[in-house]
Amino acid sequence: MALLSQISRLIGILSRKGLIVRLTDEERAMLKDLTDKGKAAAAK
């Protein structure tokens, strides 16, 4: 879950700053799963 919280924090920072980051395939898949489940699931 540490990776999940890091990704969530990173998304918050990037959405405010408009920066571009490179994600690994694993990170991209996890992020896609979170966004597909909706805002409430992504906040956990």
Protein backbone atom coordinates (compact mmCIF):
# COMPACT_ATOMS: atom_id res chain seq x y z
CA MET A 1 0.00 0.00 0.00
CA ALA A 2 2.97 2.34 0.35
CA LEU A 3 3.28 2.50 -3.43
CA LEU A 4 -0.42 3.29 -3.65
CA SER A 5 -0.15 6.22 -1.24
CA GLN A 6 2.92 7.53 -3.08
CA ILE A 7 1.04 7.43 -6.37
CA SER A 8 -1.99 9.16 -4.83
CA ARG A 9 0.21 11.92 -3.40
CA LEU A 10 2.01 12.29 -6.72
CA ILE A 11 -1.29 12.63 -8.59
CA GLY A 12 -2.35 15.42 -6.24
CA ILE A 13 0.89 17.31 -6.77
CA LEU A 14 0.86 16.84 -10.54
CA SER A 15 -2.74 17.89 -10.96
CA ARG A 16 -1.92 21.23 -9.37
CA LYS A 17 1.39 21.80 -11.14
CA GLY A 18 0.64 20.26 -14.54
CA LEU A 19 3.88 18.27 -14.63
CA ILE A 20 4.50 15.19 -16.73
CA VAL A 21 5.94 12.04 -15.15
CA ARG A 22 7.00 8.70 -16.51
CA LEU A 23 5.27 5.67 -15.00
CA THR A 24 6.35 2.06 -15.05
CA ASP A 25 3.92 -0.46 -16.51
CA GLU A 26 3.04 -1.59 -12.97
CA GLU A 27 2.36 1.97 -11.79
CA ARG A 28 0.29 2.71 -14.90
CA ALA A 29 -1.82 -0.43 -14.39
CA MET A 30 -2.40 0.42 -10.73
CA LEU A 31 -3.37 3.98 -11.61
CA LYS A 32 -5.76 2.76 -14.31
CA ASP A 33 -7.41 0.37 -11.85
CA LEU A 34 -7.86 3.21 -9.35
CA THR A 35 -9.36 5.61 -11.85
CA ASP A 36 -11.67 2.95 -13.29
CA LYS A 37 -13.11 2.29 -9.82
CA GLY A 38 -13.95 5.94 -9.21
CA LYS A 39 -12.98 8.82 -6.97
CA ALA A 40 -13.88 7.15 -3.64
CA ALA A 41 -11.72 4.09 -4.34
CA ALA A 42 -8.80 6.25 -5.45
CA ALA A 43 -8.90 8.24 -2.21
CA LYS A 44 -8.35 5.14 -0.05
